[in-house]
Amino acid sequence: MKKLTFGALMILTVTATASAAMAQDAAAGKTSFNKCLACHAIGEGAKNKVGPELNGLDGRHSGTAPDYNYSDANKNSGITWNEATFKEYIKDPKAKIPGTKMAFAGIKNETEINNLWAYVSQFDKDGKIKQ
């Protein structure tokens, strides 16, 4: 009986954890991305603006968007963008990459950060939504 109870608790824990991870809301992230639109573009046909286009950000090396003039700090940061790195960066870009040209104070709200990552990470390098 104890093994059955433990097994049931493990299944509930895994299910709850998976539900929390899926709770990221790309639609809410799109709304949050409005804060980024003045400098960044994403999606099909996105072009560099004041900041680089963000298609295919997940897995991209920092400072490598074609035809964008990055700061040396960004080019030499050694960062490969992924969920953890993005979430740390977006809280305080200048703290994560001292010397970056990005003049953005950051986003502190964890839910908003999660939603923003859900939105940004869904685009492949061509600006298409990943299947």
N, C-alpha and C. Protein backbone atom coordinates (compact mmCIF):
# COMPACT_ATOMS: atom_id res chain seq x y z
N MET A 1 0.82 -1.20 0.00
CA MET A 1 0.00 0.00 0.00
C MET A 1 0.86 1.26 0.00
N LYS A 2 1.96 1.24 0.78
CA LYS A 2 2.83 2.40 0.83
C LYS A 2 3.45 2.67 -0.54
N LYS A 3 3.84 1.60 -1.27
CA LYS A 3 4.42 1.76 -2.60
C LYS A 3 3.39 2.36 -3.56
N LEU A 4 2.14 1.93 -3.45
CA LEU A 4 1.09 2.45 -4.31
C LEU A 4 0.86 3.93 -4.03
N THR A 5 0.84 4.32 -2.75
CA THR A 5 0.65 5.72 -2.38
C THR A 5 1.82 6.56 -2.88
N PHE A 6 3.04 6.07 -2.69
CA PHE A 6 4.22 6.79 -3.15
C PHE A 6 4.19 6.95 -4.67
N GLY A 7 3.83 5.89 -5.37
CA GLY A 7 3.74 5.95 -6.83
C GLY A 7 2.70 6.97 -7.29
N ALA A 8 1.58 7.00 -6.63
CA ALA A 8 0.52 7.95 -6.98
C ALA A 8 0.99 9.38 -6.73
N LEU A 9 1.70 9.59 -5.63
CA LEU A 9 2.23 10.92 -5.33
C LEU A 9 3.25 11.35 -6.38
N MET A 10 4.09 10.42 -6.82
CA MET A 10 5.07 10.74 -7.85
C MET A 10 4.39 11.14 -9.15
N ILE A 11 3.36 10.43 -9.53
CA ILE A 11 2.62 10.75 -10.75
C ILE A 11 1.98 12.13 -10.64
N LEU A 12 1.39 12.42 -9.50
CA LEU A 12 0.79 13.74 -9.30
C LEU A 12 1.84 14.84 -9.36
N THR A 13 3.01 14.60 -8.77
CA THR A 13 4.07 15.60 -8.78
C THR A 13 4.55 15.86 -10.20
N VAL A 14 4.78 14.81 -10.96
CA VAL A 14 5.24 14.96 -12.35
C VAL A 14 4.18 15.68 -13.17
N THR A 15 2.92 15.33 -12.98
CA THR A 15 1.83 15.98 -13.72
C THR A 15 1.75 17.45 -13.37
N ALA A 16 1.86 17.79 -12.10
CA ALA A 16 1.80 19.19 -11.68
C ALA A 16 2.97 19.98 -12.23
N THR A 17 4.15 19.38 -12.23
CA THR A 17 5.33 20.05 -12.77
C THR A 17 5.17 20.29 -14.26
N ALA A 18 4.70 19.32 -14.99
CA ALA A 18 4.48 19.47 -16.42
C ALA A 18 3.43 20.54 -16.70
N SER A 19 2.39 20.58 -15.89
CA SER A 19 1.34 21.59 -16.08
C SER A 19 1.89 22.98 -15.84
N ALA A 20 2.74 23.14 -14.84
CA ALA A 20 3.34 24.44 -14.56
C ALA A 20 4.21 24.89 -15.73
N ALA A 21 4.98 23.97 -16.28
CA ALA A 21 5.84 24.31 -17.41
C ALA A 21 5.01 24.71 -18.62
N MET A 22 3.89 24.05 -18.83
CA MET A 22 3.04 24.35 -19.97
C MET A 22 2.19 25.59 -19.72
N ALA A 23 2.21 26.08 -18.48
CA ALA A 23 1.40 27.25 -18.14
C ALA A 23 1.95 28.52 -18.76
N GLN A 24 3.14 28.44 -19.32
CA GLN A 24 3.66 29.60 -20.03
C GLN A 24 2.69 29.92 -21.15
N ASP A 25 2.38 31.17 -21.31
CA ASP A 25 1.34 31.59 -22.22
C ASP A 25 1.94 32.44 -23.33
N ALA A 26 2.09 31.84 -24.53
CA ALA A 26 2.68 32.55 -25.66
C ALA A 26 1.83 33.76 -26.07
N ALA A 27 0.50 33.66 -25.93
CA ALA A 27 -0.36 34.80 -26.29
C ALA A 27 -0.08 35.98 -25.36
N ALA A 28 0.06 35.70 -24.06
CA ALA A 28 0.41 36.77 -23.12
C ALA A 28 1.83 37.27 -23.41
N GLY A 29 2.71 36.37 -23.84
CA GLY A 29 4.07 36.75 -24.20
C GLY A 29 4.09 37.69 -25.39
N LYS A 30 3.18 37.48 -26.33
CA LYS A 30 3.08 38.37 -27.50
C LYS A 30 2.73 39.78 -27.04
N THR A 31 1.81 39.88 -26.09
CA THR A 31 1.45 41.18 -25.53
C THR A 31 2.65 41.82 -24.85
N SER A 32 3.38 41.02 -24.09
CA SER A 32 4.58 41.52 -23.42
C SER A 32 5.64 41.97 -24.43
N PHE A 33 5.70 41.28 -25.57
CA PHE A 33 6.69 41.62 -26.61
C PHE A 33 6.47 43.03 -27.15
N ASN A 34 5.30 43.61 -26.93
CA ASN A 34 5.07 44.99 -27.34
C ASN A 34 6.11 45.93 -26.74
N LYS A 35 6.64 45.60 -25.58
CA LYS A 35 7.69 46.39 -24.95
C LYS A 35 8.98 46.34 -25.77
N CYS A 36 9.13 45.29 -26.55
CA CYS A 36 10.35 45.04 -27.31
C CYS A 36 10.28 45.58 -28.74
N LEU A 37 9.05 45.82 -29.23
CA LEU A 37 8.82 46.15 -30.63
C LEU A 37 9.53 47.41 -31.13
N ALA A 38 9.77 48.36 -30.26
CA ALA A 38 10.45 49.57 -30.71
C ALA A 38 11.85 49.25 -31.23
N CYS A 39 12.45 48.20 -30.70
CA CYS A 39 13.83 47.87 -31.07
C CYS A 39 14.01 46.53 -31.78
N HIS A 40 13.09 45.60 -31.59
CA HIS A 40 13.24 44.24 -32.12
C HIS A 40 12.03 43.82 -32.95
N ALA A 41 12.29 42.96 -33.93
CA ALA A 41 11.23 42.35 -34.73
C ALA A 41 11.36 40.84 -34.63
N ILE A 42 10.25 40.15 -34.85
CA ILE A 42 10.24 38.69 -34.83
C ILE A 42 9.12 38.22 -35.75
N GLY A 43 9.29 37.04 -36.31
CA GLY A 43 8.28 36.50 -37.21
C GLY A 43 8.75 36.59 -38.66
N GLU A 44 7.93 36.09 -39.55
CA GLU A 44 8.29 36.09 -40.97
C GLU A 44 8.52 37.51 -41.46
N GLY A 45 9.60 37.71 -42.16
CA GLY A 45 9.94 39.02 -42.70
C GLY A 45 10.59 39.96 -41.71
N ALA A 46 10.90 39.50 -40.50
CA ALA A 46 11.51 40.36 -39.48
C ALA A 46 12.86 40.88 -39.96
N LYS A 47 13.12 42.13 -39.69
CA LYS A 47 14.38 42.77 -40.03
C LYS A 47 14.99 43.39 -38.78
N ASN A 48 16.30 43.59 -38.82
CA ASN A 48 16.96 44.28 -37.72
C ASN A 48 16.42 45.70 -37.62
N LYS A 49 16.34 46.18 -36.41
CA LYS A 49 15.95 47.56 -36.13
C LYS A 49 17.09 48.16 -35.31
N VAL A 50 16.75 48.89 -34.27
CA VAL A 50 17.76 49.38 -33.33
C VAL A 50 18.45 48.18 -32.69
N GLY A 51 17.68 47.10 -32.47
CA GLY A 51 18.20 45.83 -31.98
C GLY A 51 18.04 44.78 -33.06
N PRO A 52 18.68 43.63 -32.89
CA PRO A 52 18.60 42.57 -33.90
C PRO A 52 17.23 41.89 -33.93
N GLU A 53 16.89 41.31 -35.10
CA GLU A 53 15.68 40.50 -35.16
C GLU A 53 15.91 39.28 -34.28
N LEU A 54 14.85 38.72 -33.76
CA LEU A 54 14.97 37.67 -32.74
C LEU A 54 14.53 36.28 -33.20
N ASN A 55 14.37 36.09 -34.50
CA ASN A 55 14.00 34.76 -34.99
C ASN A 55 15.08 33.74 -34.66
N GLY A 56 14.65 32.56 -34.25
CA GLY A 56 15.60 31.48 -33.95
C GLY A 56 16.51 31.78 -32.77
N LEU A 57 16.03 32.57 -31.83
CA LEU A 57 16.87 32.96 -30.69
C LEU A 57 17.31 31.74 -29.88
N ASP A 58 16.41 30.80 -29.65
CA ASP A 58 16.75 29.61 -28.86
C ASP A 58 17.83 28.80 -29.58
N GLY A 59 19.02 28.76 -29.00
CA GLY A 59 20.14 28.02 -29.58
C GLY A 59 21.10 28.90 -30.38
N ARG A 60 20.75 30.17 -30.57
CA ARG A 60 21.61 31.08 -31.34
C ARG A 60 22.72 31.63 -30.45
N HIS A 61 23.91 31.77 -31.01
CA HIS A 61 25.02 32.38 -30.28
C HIS A 61 24.81 33.90 -30.25
N SER A 62 25.08 34.50 -29.12
CA SER A 62 24.93 35.94 -28.97
C SER A 62 25.84 36.66 -29.96
N GLY A 63 25.31 37.71 -30.55
CA GLY A 63 26.11 38.53 -31.46
C GLY A 63 26.20 37.98 -32.87
N THR A 64 25.26 37.12 -33.28
CA THR A 64 25.37 36.48 -34.59
C THR A 64 24.20 36.71 -35.53
N ALA A 65 23.24 37.55 -35.21
CA ALA A 65 22.17 37.83 -36.17
C ALA A 65 22.79 38.51 -37.38
N PRO A 66 22.51 38.02 -38.57
CA PRO A 66 23.12 38.58 -39.77
C PRO A 66 22.86 40.08 -39.93
N ASP A 67 23.88 40.78 -40.35
CA ASP A 67 23.79 42.20 -40.71
C ASP A 67 23.42 43.12 -39.55
N TYR A 68 23.68 42.69 -38.33
CA TYR A 68 23.44 43.57 -37.19
C TYR A 68 24.78 43.94 -36.58
N ASN A 69 24.94 45.22 -36.24
CA ASN A 69 26.19 45.74 -35.67
C ASN A 69 26.14 45.65 -34.14
N TYR A 70 26.59 44.52 -33.63
CA TYR A 70 26.59 44.27 -32.19
C TYR A 70 27.73 44.99 -31.48
N SER A 71 27.55 45.21 -30.19
CA SER A 71 28.64 45.69 -29.35
C SER A 71 29.65 44.56 -29.19
N ASP A 72 30.90 44.92 -28.93
CA ASP A 72 31.92 43.90 -28.67
C ASP A 72 31.53 43.05 -27.46
N ALA A 73 30.93 43.69 -26.47
CA ALA A 73 30.51 42.96 -25.26
C ALA A 73 29.55 41.84 -25.62
N ASN A 74 28.63 42.11 -26.51
CA ASN A 74 27.65 41.10 -26.90
C ASN A 74 28.30 40.03 -27.76
N LYS A 75 29.10 40.44 -28.73
CA LYS A 75 29.77 39.47 -29.62
C LYS A 75 30.70 38.54 -28.84
N ASN A 76 31.32 39.05 -27.80
CA ASN A 76 32.31 38.29 -27.04
C ASN A 76 31.77 37.68 -25.75
N SER A 77 30.46 37.72 -25.57
CA SER A 77 29.88 37.24 -24.30
C SER A 77 29.96 35.72 -24.14
N GLY A 78 30.04 34.99 -25.25
CA GLY A 78 30.08 33.54 -25.18
C GLY A 78 28.73 32.90 -24.90
N ILE A 79 27.69 33.69 -24.94
CA ILE A 79 26.35 33.19 -24.62
C ILE A 79 25.74 32.46 -25.81
N THR A 80 25.14 31.33 -25.52
CA THR A 80 24.24 30.67 -26.45
C THR A 80 22.87 30.77 -25.81
N TRP A 81 21.96 31.43 -26.52
CA TRP A 81 20.65 31.69 -25.95
C TRP A 81 19.85 30.41 -25.74
N ASN A 82 19.30 30.31 -24.55
CA ASN A 82 18.37 29.24 -24.19
C ASN A 82 17.43 29.82 -23.14
N GLU A 83 16.53 29.02 -22.66
CA GLU A 83 15.52 29.52 -21.73
C GLU A 83 16.15 30.14 -20.47
N ALA A 84 17.05 29.44 -19.85
CA ALA A 84 17.64 29.94 -18.60
C ALA A 84 18.43 31.23 -18.81
N THR A 85 19.21 31.26 -19.87
CA THR A 85 20.03 32.45 -20.16
C THR A 85 19.15 33.65 -20.48
N PHE A 86 18.13 33.43 -21.31
CA PHE A 86 17.21 34.52 -21.66
C PHE A 86 16.54 35.08 -20.41
N LYS A 87 16.05 34.18 -19.57
CA LYS A 87 15.32 34.63 -18.38
C LYS A 87 16.22 35.41 -17.43
N GLU A 88 17.46 35.02 -17.32
CA GLU A 88 18.40 35.78 -16.49
C GLU A 88 18.70 37.12 -17.15
N TYR A 89 18.94 37.11 -18.44
CA TYR A 89 19.29 38.32 -19.19
C TYR A 89 18.19 39.37 -19.15
N ILE A 90 16.96 38.94 -19.41
CA ILE A 90 15.87 39.90 -19.57
C ILE A 90 15.52 40.61 -18.26
N LYS A 91 15.94 40.05 -17.14
CA LYS A 91 15.72 40.72 -15.85
C LYS A 91 16.58 41.97 -15.73
N ASP A 92 17.80 41.91 -16.27
CA ASP A 92 18.73 43.04 -16.18
C ASP A 92 19.82 42.87 -17.24
N PRO A 93 19.52 43.28 -18.48
CA PRO A 93 20.46 43.04 -19.58
C PRO A 93 21.88 43.56 -19.33
N LYS A 94 22.01 44.73 -18.76
CA LYS A 94 23.34 45.32 -18.55
C LYS A 94 24.13 44.57 -17.48
N ALA A 95 23.46 43.91 -16.56
CA ALA A 95 24.16 43.11 -15.55
C ALA A 95 24.66 41.81 -16.17
N LYS A 96 23.87 41.21 -17.07
CA LYS A 96 24.25 39.94 -17.69
C LYS A 96 25.35 40.14 -18.72
N ILE A 97 25.27 41.23 -19.50
CA ILE A 97 26.30 41.53 -20.51
C ILE A 97 26.72 42.99 -20.32
N PRO A 98 27.65 43.23 -19.39
CA PRO A 98 28.14 44.60 -19.21
C PRO A 98 28.72 45.14 -20.52
N GLY A 99 28.29 46.34 -20.89
CA GLY A 99 28.77 46.94 -22.12
C GLY A 99 27.83 46.73 -23.30
N THR A 100 26.72 46.03 -23.09
CA THR A 100 25.75 45.84 -24.17
C THR A 100 25.15 47.18 -24.57
N LYS A 101 24.73 47.29 -25.81
CA LYS A 101 24.06 48.51 -26.29
C LYS A 101 22.60 48.53 -25.87
N MET A 102 22.08 47.40 -25.41
CA MET A 102 20.66 47.31 -25.09
C MET A 102 20.32 48.21 -23.90
N ALA A 103 19.53 49.23 -24.18
CA ALA A 103 19.15 50.20 -23.16
C ALA A 103 17.74 49.88 -22.68
N PHE A 104 17.61 48.78 -21.95
CA PHE A 104 16.31 48.34 -21.45
C PHE A 104 16.49 47.97 -19.99
N ALA A 105 15.62 48.49 -19.14
CA ALA A 105 15.77 48.27 -17.69
C ALA A 105 15.54 46.83 -17.28
N GLY A 106 14.76 46.09 -18.07
CA GLY A 106 14.51 44.69 -17.75
C GLY A 106 13.08 44.45 -17.31
N ILE A 107 12.75 43.18 -17.23
CA ILE A 107 11.44 42.74 -16.76
C ILE A 107 11.69 41.90 -15.50
N LYS A 108 11.03 42.22 -14.44
CA LYS A 108 11.25 41.54 -13.16
C LYS A 108 10.20 40.48 -12.84
N ASN A 109 9.02 40.60 -13.43
CA ASN A 109 7.91 39.68 -13.12
C ASN A 109 8.16 38.32 -13.75
N GLU A 110 8.24 37.28 -12.93
CA GLU A 110 8.56 35.93 -13.40
C GLU A 110 7.54 35.39 -14.40
N THR A 111 6.27 35.64 -14.14
CA THR A 111 5.24 35.16 -15.06
C THR A 111 5.38 35.83 -16.42
N GLU A 112 5.61 37.12 -16.41
CA GLU A 112 5.79 37.84 -17.68
C GLU A 112 7.02 37.33 -18.42
N ILE A 113 8.10 37.08 -17.70
CA ILE A 113 9.32 36.54 -18.31
C ILE A 113 9.04 35.17 -18.92
N ASN A 114 8.36 34.31 -18.19
CA ASN A 114 8.02 32.97 -18.71
C ASN A 114 7.18 33.08 -19.98
N ASN A 115 6.21 33.97 -19.97
CA ASN A 115 5.34 34.14 -21.13
C ASN A 115 6.11 34.72 -22.31
N LEU A 116 6.98 35.66 -22.05
CA LEU A 116 7.79 36.25 -23.11
C LEU A 116 8.68 35.20 -23.76
N TRP A 117 9.30 34.34 -22.94
CA TRP A 117 10.11 33.26 -23.50
C TRP A 117 9.25 32.31 -24.33
N ALA A 118 8.05 31.98 -23.85
CA ALA A 118 7.16 31.10 -24.61
C ALA A 118 6.87 31.69 -25.98
N TYR A 119 6.70 32.99 -26.05
CA TYR A 119 6.44 33.65 -27.33
C TYR A 119 7.68 33.68 -28.22
N VAL A 120 8.77 34.17 -27.71
CA VAL A 120 9.99 34.35 -28.51
C VAL A 120 10.55 33.01 -28.98
N SER A 121 10.53 32.01 -28.13
CA SER A 121 11.17 30.73 -28.45
C SER A 121 10.38 29.89 -29.45
N GLN A 122 9.15 30.29 -29.75
CA GLN A 122 8.35 29.51 -30.70
C GLN A 122 8.74 29.77 -32.16
N PHE A 123 9.56 30.79 -32.42
CA PHE A 123 9.93 31.13 -33.79
C PHE A 123 11.24 30.47 -34.19
N ASP A 124 11.25 29.86 -35.38
CA ASP A 124 12.50 29.30 -35.90
C ASP A 124 13.30 30.41 -36.59
N LYS A 125 14.46 30.06 -37.13
CA LYS A 125 15.34 31.07 -37.72
C LYS A 125 14.74 31.78 -38.92
N ASP A 126 13.72 31.18 -39.54
CA ASP A 126 13.03 31.79 -40.68
C ASP A 126 11.80 32.59 -40.27
N GLY A 127 11.54 32.66 -38.98
CA GLY A 127 10.39 33.41 -38.49
C GLY A 127 9.09 32.65 -38.52
N LYS A 128 9.18 31.37 -38.79
CA LYS A 128 7.98 30.52 -38.78
C LYS A 128 7.81 29.93 -37.39
N ILE A 129 6.58 29.71 -36.99
CA ILE A 129 6.32 29.09 -35.70
C ILE A 129 6.65 27.60 -35.80
N LYS A 130 7.46 27.14 -34.86
CA LYS A 130 7.88 25.75 -34.83
C LYS A 130 6.67 24.84 -34.65
N GLN A 131 6.72 23.71 -35.28
CA GLN A 131 5.62 22.75 -35.15
C GLN A 131 5.88 21.78 -34.03
